[in-house]
Amino acid sequence: MLIGYARVSTADQNPDHQIDALLRAGVDRDNIHLDTARARKRPAPSSTLSCSCCARATR
């Protein structure tokens, strides 16, 4: 199982090129997690979700 993570710095940026590259690399669309940068220093929801997907895949 491949898991993809796309991230942009601001809400007005477009992540389509990153998503296209992940799809070409063989990542299923359902396993692509998208995140937008935040000012606060806390884990992003998508990175936490990606980590939990990895944990499920290794069980």
PDB file of N, CA and C in Angstrom:
ATOM      1  N   MET A   1       0.840  -1.182   0.000  1.00  0.00           N
ATOM      2  CA  MET A   1       0.000   0.000   0.000  1.00  0.00           C
ATOM      3  C   MET A   1       0.883   1.242   0.000  1.00  0.00           C
ATOM      4  N   LEU A   2       0.641   2.116  -0.946  1.00  0.00           N
ATOM      5  CA  LEU A   2       1.347   3.385  -1.008  1.00  0.00           C
ATOM      6  C   LEU A   2       0.463   4.479  -0.433  1.00  0.00           C
ATOM      7  N   ILE A   3       1.073   5.365   0.331  1.00  0.00           N
ATOM      8  CA  ILE A   3       0.349   6.489   0.926  1.00  0.00           C
ATOM      9  C   ILE A   3       1.034   7.767   0.475  1.00  0.00           C
ATOM     10  N   GLY A   4       0.249   8.720  -0.004  1.00  0.00           N
ATOM     11  CA  GLY A   4       0.792   9.982  -0.486  1.00  0.00           C
ATOM     12  C   GLY A   4       0.383  11.140   0.398  1.00  0.00           C
ATOM     13  N   TYR A   5       1.243  12.139   0.449  1.00  0.00           N
ATOM     14  CA  TYR A   5       0.989  13.328   1.259  1.00  0.00           C
ATOM     15  C   TYR A   5       1.347  14.546   0.420  1.00  0.00           C
ATOM     16  N   ALA A   6       0.374  15.384   0.129  1.00  0.00           N
ATOM     17  CA  ALA A   6       0.597  16.618  -0.626  1.00  0.00           C
ATOM     18  C   ALA A   6       0.374  17.792   0.316  1.00  0.00           C
ATOM     19  N   ARG A   7       1.212  18.811   0.181  1.00  0.00           N
ATOM     20  CA  ARG A   7       1.112  19.952   1.096  1.00  0.00           C
ATOM     21  C   ARG A   7       1.358  21.240   0.327  1.00  0.00           C
ATOM     22  N   VAL A   8       0.567  22.247   0.636  1.00  0.00           N
ATOM     23  CA  VAL A   8       0.765  23.581   0.079  1.00  0.00           C
ATOM     24  C   VAL A   8       0.910  24.565   1.227  1.00  0.00           C
ATOM     25  N   SER A   9       1.546  25.687   0.945  1.00  0.00           N
ATOM     26  CA  SER A   9       1.824  26.676   1.998  1.00  0.00           C
ATOM     27  C   SER A   9       0.625  27.551   2.333  1.00  0.00           C
ATOM     28  N   THR A  10      -0.197  27.841   1.331  1.00  0.00           N
ATOM     29  CA  THR A  10      -1.352  28.702   1.573  1.00  0.00           C
ATOM     30  C   THR A  10      -2.584  28.092   0.917  1.00  0.00           C
ATOM     31  N   ALA A  11      -3.729  28.519   1.371  1.00  0.00           N
ATOM     32  CA  ALA A  11      -4.990  27.978   0.858  1.00  0.00           C
ATOM     33  C   ALA A  11      -5.210  28.315  -0.618  1.00  0.00           C
ATOM     34  N   ASP A  12      -4.574  29.395  -1.117  1.00  0.00           N
ATOM     35  CA  ASP A  12      -4.785  29.769  -2.511  1.00  0.00           C
ATOM     36  C   ASP A  12      -3.821  29.077  -3.483  1.00  0.00           C
ATOM     37  N   GLN A  13      -2.903  28.255  -2.977  1.00  0.00           N
ATOM     38  CA  GLN A  13      -2.030  27.491  -3.852  1.00  0.00           C
ATOM     39  C   GLN A  13      -2.736  26.226  -4.328  1.00  0.00           C
ATOM     40  N   ASN A  14      -2.322  25.714  -5.468  1.00  0.00           N
ATOM     41  CA  ASN A  14      -2.977  24.563  -6.080  1.00  0.00           C
ATOM     42  C   ASN A  14      -2.090  23.315  -5.960  1.00  0.00           C
ATOM     43  N   PRO A  15      -2.579  22.259  -5.314  1.00  0.00           N
ATOM     44  CA  PRO A  15      -1.781  21.044  -5.126  1.00  0.00           C
ATOM     45  C   PRO A  15      -1.908  20.035  -6.274  1.00  0.00           C
ATOM     46  N   ASP A  16      -2.559  20.416  -7.370  1.00  0.00           N
ATOM     47  CA  ASP A  16      -2.847  19.454  -8.442  1.00  0.00           C
ATOM     48  C   ASP A  16      -1.602  18.762  -8.996  1.00  0.00           C
ATOM     49  N   HIS A  17      -0.487  19.482  -9.153  1.00  0.00           N
ATOM     50  CA  HIS A  17       0.723  18.864  -9.693  1.00  0.00           C
ATOM     51  C   HIS A  17       1.265  17.797  -8.740  1.00  0.00           C
ATOM     52  N   GLN A  18       1.201  18.071  -7.446  1.00  0.00           N
ATOM     53  CA  GLN A  18       1.659  17.086  -6.470  1.00  0.00           C
ATOM     54  C   GLN A  18       0.770  15.844  -6.499  1.00  0.00           C
ATOM     55  N   ILE A  19      -0.534  16.065  -6.562  1.00  0.00           N
ATOM     56  CA  ILE A  19      -1.481  14.949  -6.586  1.00  0.00           C
ATOM     57  C   ILE A  19      -1.287  14.127  -7.861  1.00  0.00           C
ATOM     58  N   ASP A  20      -1.101  14.795  -8.996  1.00  0.00           N
ATOM     59  CA  ASP A  20      -0.854  14.088 -10.258  1.00  0.00           C
ATOM     60  C   ASP A  20       0.401  13.220 -10.167  1.00  0.00           C
ATOM     61  N   ALA A  21       1.447  13.753  -9.561  1.00  0.00           N
ATOM     62  CA  ALA A  21       2.695  12.990  -9.424  1.00  0.00           C
ATOM     63  C   ALA A  21       2.486  11.768  -8.525  1.00  0.00           C
ATOM     64  N   LEU A  22       1.715  11.933  -7.465  1.00  0.00           N
ATOM     65  CA  LEU A  22       1.439  10.798  -6.574  1.00  0.00           C
ATOM     66  C   LEU A  22       0.626   9.727  -7.297  1.00  0.00           C
ATOM     67  N   LEU A  23      -0.347  10.148  -8.076  1.00  0.00           N
ATOM     68  CA  LEU A  23      -1.151   9.185  -8.841  1.00  0.00           C
ATOM     69  C   LEU A  23      -0.280   8.441  -9.856  1.00  0.00           C
ATOM     70  N   ARG A  24       0.610   9.159 -10.538  1.00  0.00           N
ATOM     71  CA  ARG A  24       1.511   8.518 -11.504  1.00  0.00           C
ATOM     72  C   ARG A  24       2.470   7.550 -10.820  1.00  0.00           C
ATOM     73  N   ALA A  25       2.781   7.821  -9.564  1.00  0.00           N
ATOM     74  CA  ALA A  25       3.679   6.942  -8.802  1.00  0.00           C
ATOM     75  C   ALA A  25       2.962   5.695  -8.288  1.00  0.00           C
ATOM     76  N   GLY A  26       1.652   5.638  -8.498  1.00  0.00           N
ATOM     77  CA  GLY A  26       0.909   4.450  -8.110  1.00  0.00           C
ATOM     78  C   GLY A  26       0.118   4.556  -6.817  1.00  0.00           C
ATOM     79  N   VAL A  27       0.032   5.748  -6.257  1.00  0.00           N
ATOM     80  CA  VAL A  27      -0.740   5.938  -5.029  1.00  0.00           C
ATOM     81  C   VAL A  27      -2.220   6.023  -5.380  1.00  0.00           C
ATOM     82  N   ASP A  28      -3.046   5.233  -4.712  1.00  0.00           N
ATOM     83  CA  ASP A  28      -4.495   5.325  -4.918  1.00  0.00           C
ATOM     84  C   ASP A  28      -4.989   6.679  -4.427  1.00  0.00           C
ATOM     85  N   ARG A  29      -5.960   7.237  -5.128  1.00  0.00           N
ATOM     86  CA  ARG A  29      -6.497   8.552  -4.752  1.00  0.00           C
ATOM     87  C   ARG A  29      -6.998   8.557  -3.305  1.00  0.00           C
ATOM     88  N   ASP A  30      -7.559   7.442  -2.848  1.00  0.00           N
ATOM     89  CA  ASP A  30      -8.064   7.364  -1.474  1.00  0.00           C
ATOM     90  C   ASP A  30      -6.946   7.429  -0.438  1.00  0.00           C
ATOM     91  N   ASN A  31      -5.708   7.179  -0.858  1.00  0.00           N
ATOM     92  CA  ASN A  31      -4.574   7.186   0.067  1.00  0.00           C
ATOM     93  C   ASN A  31      -3.722   8.442  -0.061  1.00  0.00           C
ATOM     94  N   ILE A  32      -4.257   9.463  -0.734  1.00  0.00           N
ATOM     95  CA  ILE A  32      -3.560  10.745  -0.833  1.00  0.00           C
ATOM     96  C   ILE A  32      -4.181  11.700   0.176  1.00  0.00           C
ATOM     97  N   HIS A  33      -3.329  12.227   1.027  1.00  0.00           N
ATOM     98  CA  HIS A  33      -3.786  13.156   2.063  1.00  0.00           C
ATOM     99  C   HIS A  33      -3.235  14.538   1.752  1.00  0.00           C
ATOM    100  N   LEU A  34      -4.107  15.527   1.795  1.00  0.00           N
ATOM    101  CA  LEU A  34      -3.753  16.900   1.434  1.00  0.00           C
ATOM    102  C   LEU A  34      -3.768  17.779   2.674  1.00  0.00           C
ATOM    103  N   ASP A  35      -2.767  18.636   2.765  1.00  0.00           N
ATOM    104  CA  ASP A  35      -2.686  19.534   3.918  1.00  0.00           C
ATOM    105  C   ASP A  35      -2.268  20.923   3.454  1.00  0.00           C
ATOM    106  N   THR A  36      -2.724  21.924   4.189  1.00  0.00           N
ATOM    107  CA  THR A  36      -2.324  23.310   3.971  1.00  0.00           C
ATOM    108  C   THR A  36      -1.559  23.765   5.202  1.00  0.00           C
ATOM    109  N   ALA A  37      -0.445  24.439   5.007  1.00  0.00           N
ATOM    110  CA  ALA A  37       0.408  24.870   6.118  1.00  0.00           C
ATOM    111  C   ALA A  37      -0.368  25.753   7.091  1.00  0.00           C
ATOM    112  N   ARG A  38       0.077  25.720   8.308  1.00  0.00           N
ATOM    113  CA  ARG A  38      -0.532  26.516   9.373  1.00  0.00           C
ATOM    114  C   ARG A  38       0.537  27.370  10.053  1.00  0.00           C
ATOM    115  N   ALA A  39       0.089  28.393  10.717  1.00  0.00           N
ATOM    116  CA  ALA A  39       1.012  29.246  11.458  1.00  0.00           C
ATOM    117  C   ALA A  39       1.423  28.577  12.773  1.00  0.00           C
ATOM    118  N   ARG A  40       0.554  27.825  13.365  1.00  0.00           N
ATOM    119  CA  ARG A  40       0.844  27.186  14.653  1.00  0.00           C
ATOM    120  C   ARG A  40       1.762  25.987  14.482  1.00  0.00           C
ATOM    121  N   LYS A  41       2.503  25.690  15.528  1.00  0.00           N
ATOM    122  CA  LYS A  41       3.397  24.537  15.517  1.00  0.00           C
ATOM    123  C   LYS A  41       2.695  23.358  16.175  1.00  0.00           C
ATOM    124  N   ARG A  42       1.879  22.666  15.393  1.00  0.00           N
ATOM    125  CA  ARG A  42       1.219  21.458  15.882  1.00  0.00           C
ATOM    126  C   ARG A  42       1.106  20.484  14.718  1.00  0.00           C
ATOM    127  N   PRO A  43       0.965  19.198  15.018  1.00  0.00           N
ATOM    128  CA  PRO A  43       0.879  18.238  13.908  1.00  0.00           C
ATOM    129  C   PRO A  43      -0.323  18.523  13.011  1.00  0.00           C
ATOM    130  N   ALA A  44      -0.105  18.457  11.739  1.00  0.00           N
ATOM    131  CA  ALA A  44      -1.191  18.659  10.782  1.00  0.00           C
ATOM    132  C   ALA A  44      -2.085  17.421  10.774  1.00  0.00           C
ATOM    133  N   PRO A  45      -3.395  17.614  10.620  1.00  0.00           N
ATOM    134  CA  PRO A  45      -4.311  16.468  10.632  1.00  0.00           C
ATOM    135  C   PRO A  45      -3.972  15.411   9.595  1.00  0.00           C
ATOM    136  N   SER A  46      -3.555  15.809   8.409  1.00  0.00           N
ATOM    137  CA  SER A  46      -3.248  14.826   7.366  1.00  0.00           C
ATOM    138  C   SER A  46      -2.007  14.019   7.696  1.00  0.00           C
ATOM    139  N   SER A  47      -1.002  14.643   8.320  1.00  0.00           N
ATOM    140  CA  SER A  47       0.189  13.876   8.666  1.00  0.00           C
ATOM    141  C   SER A  47      -0.130  12.870   9.753  1.00  0.00           C
ATOM    142  N   THR A  48      -0.989  13.239  10.684  1.00  0.00           N
ATOM    143  CA  THR A  48      -1.424  12.301  11.713  1.00  0.00           C
ATOM    144  C   THR A  48      -2.220  11.174  11.077  1.00  0.00           C
ATOM    145  N   LEU A  49      -3.077  11.506  10.123  1.00  0.00           N
ATOM    146  CA  LEU A  49      -3.870  10.499   9.419  1.00  0.00           C
ATOM    147  C   LEU A  49      -2.962   9.566   8.635  1.00  0.00           C
ATOM    148  N   SER A  50      -1.958  10.110   7.967  1.00  0.00           N
ATOM    149  CA  SER A  50      -1.031   9.278   7.207  1.00  0.00           C
ATOM    150  C   SER A  50      -0.297   8.312   8.123  1.00  0.00           C
ATOM    151  N   CYS A  51       0.092   8.786   9.292  1.00  0.00           N
ATOM    152  CA  CYS A  51       0.779   7.923  10.242  1.00  0.00           C
ATOM    153  C   CYS A  51      -0.134   6.800  10.721  1.00  0.00           C
ATOM    154  N   SER A  52      -1.394   7.113  10.951  1.00  0.00           N
ATOM    155  CA  SER A  52      -2.314   6.072  11.390  1.00  0.00           C
ATOM    156  C   SER A  52      -2.570   5.073  10.277  1.00  0.00           C
ATOM    157  N   CYS A  53      -2.555   5.524   9.018  1.00  0.00           N
ATOM    158  CA  CYS A  53      -2.707   4.591   7.875  1.00  0.00           C
ATOM    159  C   CYS A  53      -1.502   3.667   7.819  1.00  0.00           C
ATOM    160  N   CYS A  54      -0.322   4.186   8.084  1.00  0.00           N
ATOM    161  CA  CYS A  54       0.880   3.357   8.070  1.00  0.00           C
ATOM    162  C   CYS A  54       0.811   2.297   9.165  1.00  0.00           C
ATOM    163  N   ALA A  55       0.335   2.703  10.322  1.00  0.00           N
ATOM    164  CA  ALA A  55       0.229   1.754  11.432  1.00  0.00           C
ATOM    165  C   ALA A  55      -0.762   0.641  11.080  1.00  0.00           C
ATOM    166  N   ARG A  56      -1.866   0.984  10.452  1.00  0.00           N
ATOM    167  CA  ARG A  56      -2.844  -0.038  10.066  1.00  0.00           C
ATOM    168  C   ARG A  56      -2.268  -0.976   9.015  1.00  0.00           C
ATOM    169  N   ALA A  57      -1.488  -0.446   8.097  1.00  0.00           N
ATOM    170  CA  ALA A  57      -0.948  -1.249   7.000  1.00  0.00           C
ATOM    171  C   ALA A  57       0.089  -2.263   7.489  1.00  0.00           C
ATOM    172  N   THR A  58       0.741  -1.978   8.608  1.00  0.00           N
ATOM    173  CA  THR A  58       1.778  -2.876   9.094  1.00  0.00           C
ATOM    174  C   THR A  58       1.269  -3.915  10.073  1.00  0.00           C
ATOM    175  N   ARG A  59       0.010  -3.856  10.394  1.00  0.00           N
ATOM    176  CA  ARG A  59      -0.543  -4.845  11.340  1.00  0.00           C
ATOM    177  C   ARG A  59      -0.836  -6.148  10.664  1.00  0.00           C
TER     178      ARG A  59
END
